[in-house]
C-alpha cells in the first residue's frame, strides 16, 4: 500500500477534553461513534471511516488497545488521518495480510 498516495484521505485536528478524551469510539480501527458536542463532532470527524494515522504514526493493522495507547500518549492536540471504510476495505483486499506486520510505525519527520 502506498502510504502517502491514498485517495480520499483527510486529516482532522482534535483537542482532548479535560479527561483526555477526543470524542469518538472505534472498533477494529473503524470509527463507529461520535460523542455529542465533542472535539471530534465539532471538527468534522465522520463515522464509517478507517483510522490511518494518529499524529503521523501509522495505525493500520494495529489492535484497538494499541491505537488507544497511541491516542493516550498524544499531546492535547491530536491529528487523525482517516479514509472512508469502503475505500480502505478495497485497498486492503489487494494487499497481502503478511504486510501488516512489516508496516512502518515510526512518526513522520
PDB file of N, CA and C in Angstrom:
ATOM      1  N   UNK A   1       0.849  -1.168   0.000  1.00  0.00           N
ATOM      2  CA  UNK A   1       0.000   0.000   0.000  1.00  0.00           C
ATOM      3  C   UNK A   1       0.890   1.225   0.000  1.00  0.00           C
ATOM      4  N   UNK A   2       0.649   2.152  -0.890  1.00  0.00           N
ATOM      5  CA  UNK A   2       1.402   3.395  -0.932  1.00  0.00           C
ATOM      6  C   UNK A   2       0.893   4.286   0.191  1.00  0.00           C
ATOM      7  N   UNK A   3       1.717   4.466   1.191  1.00  0.00           N
ATOM      8  CA  UNK A   3       1.275   5.139   2.408  1.00  0.00           C
ATOM      9  C   UNK A   3       0.927   6.603   2.169  1.00  0.00           C
ATOM     10  N   UNK A   4       1.610   7.277   1.305  1.00  0.00           N
ATOM     11  CA  UNK A   4       1.356   8.700   1.094  1.00  0.00           C
ATOM     12  C   UNK A   4       0.444   8.991  -0.094  1.00  0.00           C
ATOM     13  N   UNK A   5       0.018   7.992  -0.847  1.00  0.00           N
ATOM     14  CA  UNK A   5      -0.821   8.200  -2.021  1.00  0.00           C
ATOM     15  C   UNK A   5      -2.173   7.538  -1.838  1.00  0.00           C
ATOM     16  N   UNK A   6      -2.932   7.991  -0.857  1.00  0.00           N
ATOM     17  CA  UNK A   6      -4.226   7.389  -0.560  1.00  0.00           C
ATOM     18  C   UNK A   6      -5.340   8.304  -1.045  1.00  0.00           C
ATOM     19  N   UNK A   7      -6.222   7.775  -1.888  1.00  0.00           N
ATOM     20  CA  UNK A   7      -7.333   8.610  -2.348  1.00  0.00           C
ATOM     21  C   UNK A   7      -8.322   8.868  -1.213  1.00  0.00           C
ATOM     22  N   UNK A   8      -8.908  10.032  -1.237  1.00  0.00           N
ATOM     23  CA  UNK A   8      -9.980  10.398  -0.304  1.00  0.00           C
ATOM     24  C   UNK A   8      -9.560  10.496   1.156  1.00  0.00           C
ATOM     25  N   UNK A   9      -8.278  10.495   1.443  1.00  0.00           N
ATOM     26  CA  UNK A   9      -7.868  10.637   2.836  1.00  0.00           C
ATOM     27  C   UNK A   9      -8.044  12.081   3.272  1.00  0.00           C
ATOM     28  N   UNK A  10      -8.256  12.276   4.559  1.00  0.00           N
ATOM     29  CA  UNK A  10      -8.288  13.627   5.116  1.00  0.00           C
ATOM     30  C   UNK A  10      -7.794  13.592   6.545  1.00  0.00           C
ATOM     31  N   UNK A  11      -7.277  14.716   6.968  1.00  0.00           N
ATOM     32  CA  UNK A  11      -6.748  14.831   8.325  1.00  0.00           C
ATOM     33  C   UNK A  11      -7.632  15.786   9.116  1.00  0.00           C
ATOM     34  N   UNK A  12      -7.978  15.374  10.323  1.00  0.00           N
ATOM     35  CA  UNK A  12      -8.822  16.170  11.209  1.00  0.00           C
ATOM     36  C   UNK A  12      -8.030  16.432  12.485  1.00  0.00           C
ATOM     37  N   UNK A  13      -8.008  17.685  12.921  1.00  0.00           N
ATOM     38  CA  UNK A  13      -7.322  18.055  14.156  1.00  0.00           C
ATOM     39  C   UNK A  13      -8.330  18.065  15.298  1.00  0.00           C
ATOM     40  N   UNK A  14      -8.011  17.309  16.341  1.00  0.00           N
ATOM     41  CA  UNK A  14      -8.885  17.193  17.506  1.00  0.00           C
ATOM     42  C   UNK A  14      -8.159  17.700  18.746  1.00  0.00           C
ATOM     43  N   UNK A  15      -8.930  18.111  19.739  1.00  0.00           N
ATOM     44  CA  UNK A  15      -8.377  18.589  21.004  1.00  0.00           C
ATOM     45  C   UNK A  15      -8.940  17.733  22.135  1.00  0.00           C
ATOM     46  N   UNK A  16      -8.058  17.247  22.982  1.00  0.00           N
ATOM     47  CA  UNK A  16      -8.503  16.438  24.115  1.00  0.00           C
ATOM     48  C   UNK A  16      -9.263  17.307  25.109  1.00  0.00           C
ATOM     49  N   UNK A  17     -10.280  16.708  25.748  1.00  0.00           N
ATOM     50  CA  UNK A  17     -11.002  17.419  26.799  1.00  0.00           C
ATOM     51  C   UNK A  17     -10.247  17.271  28.122  1.00  0.00           C
ATOM     52  N   UNK A  18     -10.825  17.751  29.201  1.00  0.00           N
ATOM     53  CA  UNK A  18     -10.140  17.723  30.499  1.00  0.00           C
ATOM     54  C   UNK A  18      -9.868  16.303  30.998  1.00  0.00           C
ATOM     55  N   UNK A  19     -10.591  15.323  30.465  1.00  0.00           N
ATOM     56  CA  UNK A  19     -10.370  13.928  30.844  1.00  0.00           C
ATOM     57  C   UNK A  19      -9.416  13.209  29.890  1.00  0.00           C
ATOM     58  N   UNK A  20      -8.956  13.923  28.862  1.00  0.00           N
ATOM     59  CA  UNK A  20      -8.038  13.317  27.900  1.00  0.00           C
ATOM     60  C   UNK A  20      -8.718  12.594  26.758  1.00  0.00           C
ATOM     61  N   UNK A  21     -10.029  12.805  26.589  1.00  0.00           N
ATOM     62  CA  UNK A  21     -10.781  12.154  25.512  1.00  0.00           C
ATOM     63  C   UNK A  21     -10.909  13.089  24.313  1.00  0.00           C
ATOM     64  N   UNK A  22     -10.974  12.503  23.113  1.00  0.00           N
ATOM     65  CA  UNK A  22     -11.146  13.307  21.900  1.00  0.00           C
ATOM     66  C   UNK A  22     -12.554  13.194  21.326  1.00  0.00           C
ATOM     67  N   UNK A  23     -13.354  12.253  21.817  1.00  0.00           N
ATOM     68  CA  UNK A  23     -14.768  12.241  21.479  1.00  0.00           C
ATOM     69  C   UNK A  23     -15.222  11.304  20.380  1.00  0.00           C
ATOM     70  N   UNK A  24     -14.563  10.175  20.216  1.00  0.00           N
ATOM     71  CA  UNK A  24     -15.068   9.189  19.263  1.00  0.00           C
ATOM     72  C   UNK A  24     -14.757   7.780  19.748  1.00  0.00           C
ATOM     73  N   UNK A  25     -15.548   6.826  19.241  1.00  0.00           N
ATOM     74  CA  UNK A  25     -15.331   5.414  19.534  1.00  0.00           C
ATOM     75  C   UNK A  25     -14.957   4.720  18.233  1.00  0.00           C
ATOM     76  N   UNK A  26     -14.156   3.667  18.363  1.00  0.00           N
ATOM     77  CA  UNK A  26     -13.762   2.907  17.178  1.00  0.00           C
ATOM     78  C   UNK A  26     -13.698   1.427  17.514  1.00  0.00           C
ATOM     79  N   UNK A  27     -13.868   0.625  16.484  1.00  0.00           N
ATOM     80  CA  UNK A  27     -13.762  -0.831  16.607  1.00  0.00           C
ATOM     81  C   UNK A  27     -13.006  -1.319  15.387  1.00  0.00           C
ATOM     82  N   UNK A  28     -11.939  -2.063  15.617  1.00  0.00           N
ATOM     83  CA  UNK A  28     -11.064  -2.540  14.546  1.00  0.00           C
ATOM     84  C   UNK A  28     -10.545  -1.377  13.698  1.00  0.00           C
ATOM     85  N   UNK A  29     -10.294  -0.249  14.344  1.00  0.00           N
ATOM     86  CA  UNK A  29      -9.765   0.921  13.653  1.00  0.00           C
ATOM     87  C   UNK A  29     -10.792   1.707  12.869  1.00  0.00           C
ATOM     88  N   UNK A  30     -12.045   1.262  12.874  1.00  0.00           N
ATOM     89  CA  UNK A  30     -13.120   1.934  12.153  1.00  0.00           C
ATOM     90  C   UNK A  30     -13.904   2.808  13.132  1.00  0.00           C
ATOM     91  N   UNK A  31     -14.119   4.065  12.788  1.00  0.00           N
ATOM     92  CA  UNK A  31     -14.853   4.980  13.659  1.00  0.00           C
ATOM     93  C   UNK A  31     -16.330   4.599  13.629  1.00  0.00           C
ATOM     94  N   UNK A  32     -16.861   4.248  14.795  1.00  0.00           N
ATOM     95  CA  UNK A  32     -18.245   3.766  14.880  1.00  0.00           C
ATOM     96  C   UNK A  32     -19.175   4.727  15.618  1.00  0.00           C
ATOM     97  N   UNK A  33     -18.632   5.715  16.313  1.00  0.00           N
ATOM     98  CA  UNK A  33     -19.485   6.643  17.042  1.00  0.00           C
ATOM     99  C   UNK A  33     -18.764   7.919  17.417  1.00  0.00           C
ATOM    100  N   UNK A  34     -19.550   8.990  17.540  1.00  0.00           N
ATOM    101  CA  UNK A  34     -19.026  10.289  17.961  1.00  0.00           C
ATOM    102  C   UNK A  34     -19.773  10.737  19.206  1.00  0.00           C
ATOM    103  N   UNK A  35     -19.070  11.382  20.104  1.00  0.00           N
ATOM    104  CA  UNK A  35     -19.686  11.931  21.311  1.00  0.00           C
ATOM    105  C   UNK A  35     -20.238  13.310  20.968  1.00  0.00           C
ATOM    106  N   UNK A  36     -21.499  13.536  21.297  1.00  0.00           N
ATOM    107  CA  UNK A  36     -22.152  14.810  21.004  1.00  0.00           C
ATOM    108  C   UNK A  36     -21.368  15.969  21.615  1.00  0.00           C
ATOM    109  N   UNK A  37     -21.190  17.027  20.847  1.00  0.00           N
ATOM    110  CA  UNK A  37     -20.500  18.257  21.258  1.00  0.00           C
ATOM    111  C   UNK A  37     -19.033  18.039  21.614  1.00  0.00           C
ATOM    112  N   UNK A  38     -18.445  16.956  21.160  1.00  0.00           N
ATOM    113  CA  UNK A  38     -17.017  16.704  21.416  1.00  0.00           C
ATOM    114  C   UNK A  38     -16.181  17.370  20.329  1.00  0.00           C
ATOM    115  N   UNK A  39     -14.880  17.386  20.536  1.00  0.00           N
ATOM    116  CA  UNK A  39     -13.967  17.916  19.530  1.00  0.00           C
ATOM    117  C   UNK A  39     -14.117  17.159  18.219  1.00  0.00           C
ATOM    118  N   UNK A  40     -14.289  15.852  18.294  1.00  0.00           N
ATOM    119  CA  UNK A  40     -14.455  15.041  17.078  1.00  0.00           C
ATOM    120  C   UNK A  40     -15.702  15.466  16.306  1.00  0.00           C
ATOM    121  N   UNK A  41     -16.806  15.670  17.008  1.00  0.00           N
ATOM    122  CA  UNK A  41     -18.054  16.073  16.354  1.00  0.00           C
ATOM    123  C   UNK A  41     -17.955  17.490  15.791  1.00  0.00           C
ATOM    124  N   UNK A  42     -17.357  18.399  16.537  1.00  0.00           N
ATOM    125  CA  UNK A  42     -17.238  19.789  16.093  1.00  0.00           C
ATOM    126  C   UNK A  42     -16.277  19.966  14.924  1.00  0.00           C
ATOM    127  N   UNK A  43     -15.264  19.113  14.837  1.00  0.00           N
ATOM    128  CA  UNK A  43     -14.231  19.296  13.817  1.00  0.00           C
ATOM    129  C   UNK A  43     -14.404  18.402  12.591  1.00  0.00           C
ATOM    130  N   UNK A  44     -15.530  17.739  12.474  1.00  0.00           N
ATOM    131  CA  UNK A  44     -15.862  17.049  11.237  1.00  0.00           C
ATOM    132  C   UNK A  44     -15.405  15.617  11.091  1.00  0.00           C
ATOM    133  N   UNK A  45     -15.066  14.951  12.195  1.00  0.00           N
ATOM    134  CA  UNK A  45     -14.742  13.528  12.096  1.00  0.00           C
ATOM    135  C   UNK A  45     -16.021  12.777  11.717  1.00  0.00           C
ATOM    136  N   UNK A  46     -15.899  11.738  10.921  1.00  0.00           N
ATOM    137  CA  UNK A  46     -17.056  11.015  10.409  1.00  0.00           C
ATOM    138  C   UNK A  46     -17.024   9.547  10.816  1.00  0.00           C
ATOM    139  N   UNK A  47     -18.202   8.954  10.998  1.00  0.00           N
ATOM    140  CA  UNK A  47     -18.267   7.518  11.247  1.00  0.00           C
ATOM    141  C   UNK A  47     -18.063   6.778   9.928  1.00  0.00           C
ATOM    142  N   UNK A  48     -17.859   5.480  10.021  1.00  0.00           N
ATOM    143  CA  UNK A  48     -17.596   4.625   8.856  1.00  0.00           C
ATOM    144  C   UNK A  48     -16.361   5.075   8.089  1.00  0.00           C
ATOM    145  N   UNK A  49     -15.384   5.579   8.829  1.00  0.00           N
ATOM    146  CA  UNK A  49     -14.076   5.934   8.278  1.00  0.00           C
ATOM    147  C   UNK A  49     -13.015   5.179   9.065  1.00  0.00           C
ATOM    148  N   UNK A  50     -11.979   4.780   8.379  1.00  0.00           N
ATOM    149  CA  UNK A  50     -10.899   3.994   8.972  1.00  0.00           C
ATOM    150  C   UNK A  50      -9.780   4.914   9.442  1.00  0.00           C
ATOM    151  N   UNK A  51      -9.262   4.660  10.638  1.00  0.00           N
ATOM    152  CA  UNK A  51      -8.100   5.392  11.135  1.00  0.00           C
ATOM    153  C   UNK A  51      -6.860   4.908  10.390  1.00  0.00           C
ATOM    154  N   UNK A  52      -6.100   5.845   9.833  1.00  0.00           N
ATOM    155  CA  UNK A  52      -4.852   5.501   9.164  1.00  0.00           C
ATOM    156  C   UNK A  52      -3.649   5.946   9.976  1.00  0.00           C
ATOM    157  N   UNK A  53      -3.699   7.180  10.467  1.00  0.00           N
ATOM    158  CA  UNK A  53      -2.580   7.732  11.235  1.00  0.00           C
ATOM    159  C   UNK A  53      -3.109   8.541  12.401  1.00  0.00           C
ATOM    160  N   UNK A  54      -2.324   8.530  13.475  1.00  0.00           N
ATOM    161  CA  UNK A  54      -2.571   9.402  14.615  1.00  0.00           C
ATOM    162  C   UNK A  54      -1.259  10.112  14.876  1.00  0.00           C
ATOM    163  N   UNK A  55      -1.269  11.422  14.704  1.00  0.00           N
ATOM    164  CA  UNK A  55      -0.047  12.233  14.836  1.00  0.00           C
ATOM    165  C   UNK A  55       1.104  11.624  14.035  1.00  0.00           C
ATOM    166  N   UNK A  56       0.842  11.310  12.790  1.00  0.00           N
ATOM    167  CA  UNK A  56       1.781  10.750  11.799  1.00  0.00           C
ATOM    168  C   UNK A  56       2.241   9.330  12.107  1.00  0.00           C
ATOM    169  N   UNK A  57       1.696   8.683  13.126  1.00  0.00           N
ATOM    170  CA  UNK A  57       2.034   7.283  13.412  1.00  0.00           C
ATOM    171  C   UNK A  57       1.025   6.391  12.690  1.00  0.00           C
ATOM    172  N   UNK A  58       1.521   5.513  11.850  1.00  0.00           N
ATOM    173  CA  UNK A  58       0.681   4.601  11.092  1.00  0.00           C
ATOM    174  C   UNK A  58       0.012   3.615  12.053  1.00  0.00           C
ATOM    175  N   UNK A  59      -1.323   3.597  12.064  1.00  0.00           N
ATOM    176  CA  UNK A  59      -2.051   2.684  12.950  1.00  0.00           C
ATOM    177  C   UNK A  59      -2.799   1.598  12.177  1.00  0.00           C
ATOM    178  N   UNK A  60      -2.555   1.495  10.880  1.00  0.00           N
ATOM    179  CA  UNK A  60      -3.200   0.466  10.058  1.00  0.00           C
ATOM    180  C   UNK A  60      -2.774  -0.908  10.563  1.00  0.00           C
ATOM    181  N   UNK A  61      -3.739  -1.750  10.847  1.00  0.00           N
ATOM    182  CA  UNK A  61      -3.451  -3.101  11.312  1.00  0.00           C
ATOM    183  C   UNK A  61      -3.199  -3.227  12.799  1.00  0.00           C
ATOM    184  N   UNK A  62      -3.160  -2.110  13.520  1.00  0.00           N
ATOM    185  CA  UNK A  62      -2.973  -2.173  14.972  1.00  0.00           C
ATOM    186  C   UNK A  62      -4.256  -2.643  15.645  1.00  0.00           C
ATOM    187  N   UNK A  63      -4.109  -3.289  16.771  1.00  0.00           N
ATOM    188  CA  UNK A  63      -5.251  -3.664  17.605  1.00  0.00           C
ATOM    189  C   UNK A  63      -5.808  -2.394  18.254  1.00  0.00           C
ATOM    190  N   UNK A  64      -7.083  -2.428  18.630  1.00  0.00           N
ATOM    191  CA  UNK A  64      -7.722  -1.257  19.224  1.00  0.00           C
ATOM    192  C   UNK A  64      -7.015  -0.781  20.490  1.00  0.00           C
ATOM    193  N   UNK A  65      -6.528  -1.703  21.314  1.00  0.00           N
ATOM    194  CA  UNK A  65      -5.819  -1.299  22.539  1.00  0.00           C
ATOM    195  C   UNK A  65      -4.541  -0.538  22.200  1.00  0.00           C
ATOM    196  N   UNK A  66      -3.848  -0.952  21.151  1.00  0.00           N
ATOM    197  CA  UNK A  66      -2.630  -0.249  20.734  1.00  0.00           C
ATOM    198  C   UNK A  66      -2.972   1.149  20.225  1.00  0.00           C
ATOM    199  N   UNK A  67      -4.050   1.259  19.452  1.00  0.00           N
ATOM    200  CA  UNK A  67      -4.481   2.569  18.951  1.00  0.00           C
ATOM    201  C   UNK A  67      -4.852   3.468  20.125  1.00  0.00           C
ATOM    202  N   UNK A  68      -5.554   2.917  21.110  1.00  0.00           N
ATOM    203  CA  UNK A  68      -5.918   3.698  22.301  1.00  0.00           C
ATOM    204  C   UNK A  68      -4.682   4.209  23.019  1.00  0.00           C
ATOM    205  N   UNK A  69      -3.642   3.380  23.108  1.00  0.00           N
ATOM    206  CA  UNK A  69      -2.397   3.814  23.758  1.00  0.00           C
ATOM    207  C   UNK A  69      -1.735   4.953  22.984  1.00  0.00           C
ATOM    208  N   UNK A  70      -1.794   4.904  21.649  1.00  0.00           N
ATOM    209  CA  UNK A  70      -1.225   5.986  20.837  1.00  0.00           C
ATOM    210  C   UNK A  70      -1.981   7.284  21.115  1.00  0.00           C
ATOM    211  N   UNK A  71      -3.307   7.212  21.184  1.00  0.00           N
ATOM    212  CA  UNK A  71      -4.111   8.403  21.471  1.00  0.00           C
ATOM    213  C   UNK A  71      -3.819   8.915  22.876  1.00  0.00           C
ATOM    214  N   UNK A  72      -3.768   8.028  23.855  1.00  0.00           N
ATOM    215  CA  UNK A  72      -3.490   8.427  25.239  1.00  0.00           C
ATOM    216  C   UNK A  72      -2.127   9.088  25.364  1.00  0.00           C
ATOM    217  N   UNK A  73      -1.138   8.608  24.618  1.00  0.00           N
ATOM    218  CA  UNK A  73       0.217   9.153  24.692  1.00  0.00           C
ATOM    219  C   UNK A  73       0.371  10.448  23.898  1.00  0.00           C
ATOM    220  N   UNK A  74      -0.637  10.807  23.126  1.00  0.00           N
ATOM    221  CA  UNK A  74      -0.572  12.013  22.303  1.00  0.00           C
ATOM    222  C   UNK A  74      -0.718  13.257  23.170  1.00  0.00           C
ATOM    223  N   UNK A  75      -0.185  14.382  22.684  1.00  0.00           N
ATOM    224  CA  UNK A  75      -0.386  15.648  23.401  1.00  0.00           C
ATOM    225  C   UNK A  75      -1.854  16.077  23.312  1.00  0.00           C
ATOM    226  N   UNK A  76      -2.171  17.267  23.800  1.00  0.00           N
ATOM    227  CA  UNK A  76      -3.566  17.712  23.842  1.00  0.00           C
ATOM    228  C   UNK A  76      -4.170  17.933  22.457  1.00  0.00           C
ATOM    229  N   UNK A  77      -3.339  18.179  21.453  1.00  0.00           N
ATOM    230  CA  UNK A  77      -3.819  18.309  20.077  1.00  0.00           C
ATOM    231  C   UNK A  77      -3.476  17.015  19.344  1.00  0.00           C
ATOM    232  N   UNK A  78      -4.495  16.386  18.750  1.00  0.00           N
ATOM    233  CA  UNK A  78      -4.322  15.090  18.092  1.00  0.00           C
ATOM    234  C   UNK A  78      -4.754  15.214  16.634  1.00  0.00           C
ATOM    235  N   UNK A  79      -3.847  14.882  15.720  1.00  0.00           N
ATOM    236  CA  UNK A  79      -4.173  14.886  14.291  1.00  0.00           C
ATOM    237  C   UNK A  79      -4.495  13.461  13.860  1.00  0.00           C
ATOM    238  N   UNK A  80      -5.704  13.278  13.343  1.00  0.00           N
ATOM    239  CA  UNK A  80      -6.204  11.966  12.932  1.00  0.00           C
ATOM    240  C   UNK A  80      -6.338  11.963  11.412  1.00  0.00           C
ATOM    241  N   UNK A  81      -5.717  11.003  10.743  1.00  0.00           N
ATOM    242  CA  UNK A  81      -5.890  10.842   9.299  1.00  0.00           C
ATOM    243  C   UNK A  81      -6.831   9.672   9.073  1.00  0.00           C
ATOM    244  N   UNK A  82      -7.872   9.918   8.269  1.00  0.00           N
ATOM    245  CA  UNK A  82      -8.914   8.919   8.039  1.00  0.00           C
ATOM    246  C   UNK A  82      -9.159   8.732   6.546  1.00  0.00           C
ATOM    247  N   UNK A  83      -9.827   7.634   6.217  1.00  0.00           N
ATOM    248  CA  UNK A  83     -10.236   7.340   4.843  1.00  0.00           C
ATOM    249  C   UNK A  83     -11.577   6.605   4.933  1.00  0.00           C
ATOM    250  N   UNK A  84     -12.471   6.801   3.960  1.00  0.00           N
ATOM    251  CA  UNK A  84     -13.743   6.070   4.012  1.00  0.00           C
ATOM    252  C   UNK A  84     -13.524   4.559   4.107  1.00  0.00           C
ATOM    253  N   UNK A  85     -14.348   3.911   4.904  1.00  0.00           N
ATOM    254  CA  UNK A  85     -14.201   2.480   5.157  1.00  0.00           C
ATOM    255  C   UNK A  85     -14.264   1.653   3.878  1.00  0.00           C
ATOM    256  N   UNK A  86     -15.149   1.999   2.946  1.00  0.00           N
ATOM    257  CA  UNK A  86     -15.278   1.188   1.732  1.00  0.00           C
ATOM    258  C   UNK A  86     -14.019   1.269   0.866  1.00  0.00           C
ATOM    259  N   UNK A  87     -13.353   2.392   0.857  1.00  0.00           N
ATOM    260  CA  UNK A  87     -12.102   2.520   0.094  1.00  0.00           C
ATOM    261  C   UNK A  87     -10.991   1.761   0.806  1.00  0.00           C
ATOM    262  N   UNK A  88     -10.937   1.873   2.127  1.00  0.00           N
ATOM    263  CA  UNK A  88      -9.937   1.140   2.899  1.00  0.00           C
ATOM    264  C   UNK A  88     -10.072  -0.363   2.660  1.00  0.00           C
ATOM    265  N   UNK A  89     -11.300  -0.875   2.724  1.00  0.00           N
ATOM    266  CA  UNK A  89     -11.512  -2.311   2.515  1.00  0.00           C
ATOM    267  C   UNK A  89     -11.053  -2.740   1.126  1.00  0.00           C
ATOM    268  N   UNK A  90     -11.317  -1.906   0.129  1.00  0.00           N
ATOM    269  CA  UNK A  90     -10.875  -2.231  -1.233  1.00  0.00           C
ATOM    270  C   UNK A  90      -9.351  -2.269  -1.313  1.00  0.00           C
ATOM    271  N   UNK A  91      -8.692  -1.286  -0.717  1.00  0.00           N
ATOM    272  CA  UNK A  91      -7.226  -1.238  -0.750  1.00  0.00           C
ATOM    273  C   UNK A  91      -6.624  -2.440  -0.025  1.00  0.00           C
ATOM    274  N   UNK A  92      -7.166  -2.767   1.128  1.00  0.00           N
ATOM    275  CA  UNK A  92      -6.638  -3.870   1.924  1.00  0.00           C
ATOM    276  C   UNK A  92      -6.873  -5.211   1.236  1.00  0.00           C
ATOM    277  N   UNK A  93      -7.976  -5.327   0.510  1.00  0.00           N
ATOM    278  CA  UNK A  93      -8.257  -6.599  -0.173  1.00  0.00           C
ATOM    279  C   UNK A  93      -7.208  -6.910  -1.238  1.00  0.00           C
ATOM    280  N   UNK A  94      -6.510  -5.887  -1.713  1.00  0.00           N
ATOM    281  CA  UNK A  94      -5.476  -6.074  -2.732  1.00  0.00           C
ATOM    282  C   UNK A  94      -4.092  -6.275  -2.118  1.00  0.00           C
ATOM    283  N   UNK A  95      -4.011  -6.259  -0.800  1.00  0.00           N
ATOM    284  CA  UNK A  95      -2.727  -6.295  -0.107  1.00  0.00           C
ATOM    285  C   UNK A  95      -2.568  -7.610   0.654  1.00  0.00           C
ATOM    286  N   UNK A  96      -1.379  -8.148   0.655  1.00  0.00           N
ATOM    287  CA  UNK A  96      -1.102  -9.377   1.392  1.00  0.00           C
ATOM    288  C   UNK A  96      -1.202  -9.108   2.893  1.00  0.00           C
ATOM    289  N   UNK A  97      -1.872  -9.990   3.620  1.00  0.00           N
ATOM    290  CA  UNK A  97      -2.036  -9.792   5.063  1.00  0.00           C
ATOM    291  C   UNK A  97      -0.703  -9.834   5.804  1.00  0.00           C
ATOM    292  N   UNK A  98       0.293 -10.485   5.242  1.00  0.00           N
ATOM    293  CA  UNK A  98       1.604 -10.544   5.899  1.00  0.00           C
ATOM    294  C   UNK A  98       2.290  -9.184   5.919  1.00  0.00           C
ATOM    295  N   UNK A  99       1.867  -8.271   5.038  1.00  0.00           N
ATOM    296  CA  UNK A  99       2.477  -6.942   5.008  1.00  0.00           C
ATOM    297  C   UNK A  99       2.120  -6.103   6.227  1.00  0.00           C
ATOM    298  N   UNK A 100       1.001  -6.412   6.897  1.00  0.00           N
ATOM    299  CA  UNK A 100       0.621  -5.654   8.087  1.00  0.00           C
ATOM    300  C   UNK A 100       1.722  -5.687   9.140  1.00  0.00           C
ATOM    301  N   UNK A 101       2.395  -6.807   9.262  1.00  0.00           N
ATOM    302  CA  UNK A 101       3.447  -6.947  10.264  1.00  0.00           C
ATOM    303  C   UNK A 101       4.677  -6.125   9.911  1.00  0.00           C
ATOM    304  N   UNK A 102       4.817  -5.756   8.644  1.00  0.00           N
ATOM    305  CA  UNK A 102       6.003  -5.037   8.185  1.00  0.00           C
ATOM    306  C   UNK A 102       5.782  -3.535   8.056  1.00  0.00           C
ATOM    307  N   UNK A 103       4.593  -3.034   8.392  1.00  0.00           N
ATOM    308  CA  UNK A 103       4.311  -1.615   8.234  1.00  0.00           C
ATOM    309  C   UNK A 103       5.189  -0.774   9.149  1.00  0.00           C
ATOM    310  N   UNK A 104       5.633   0.348   8.632  1.00  0.00           N
ATOM    311  CA  UNK A 104       6.477   1.268   9.389  1.00  0.00           C
ATOM    312  C   UNK A 104       5.614   2.037  10.381  1.00  0.00           C
ATOM    313  N   UNK A 105       5.944   1.981  11.655  1.00  0.00           N
ATOM    314  CA  UNK A 105       5.168   2.651  12.704  1.00  0.00           C
ATOM    315  C   UNK A 105       5.856   3.902  13.245  1.00  0.00           C
ATOM    316  N   UNK A 106       6.970   4.308  12.673  1.00  0.00           N
ATOM    317  CA  UNK A 106       7.675   5.478  13.184  1.00  0.00           C
ATOM    318  C   UNK A 106       6.973   6.752  12.733  1.00  0.00           C
ATOM    319  N   UNK A 107       6.941   7.781  13.586  1.00  0.00           N
ATOM    320  CA  UNK A 107       6.320   9.047  13.193  1.00  0.00           C
ATOM    321  C   UNK A 107       7.072   9.687  12.035  1.00  0.00           C
ATOM    322  N   UNK A 108       6.331  10.345  11.151  1.00  0.00           N
ATOM    323  CA  UNK A 108       6.962  11.060  10.039  1.00  0.00           C
ATOM    324  C   UNK A 108       7.753  12.241  10.585  1.00  0.00           C
ATOM    325  N   UNK A 109       8.813  12.573   9.917  1.00  0.00           N
ATOM    326  CA  UNK A 109       9.658  13.687  10.363  1.00  0.00           C
ATOM    327  C   UNK A 109       9.248  14.948   9.662  1.00  0.00           C
TER     328      UNK A 109
END
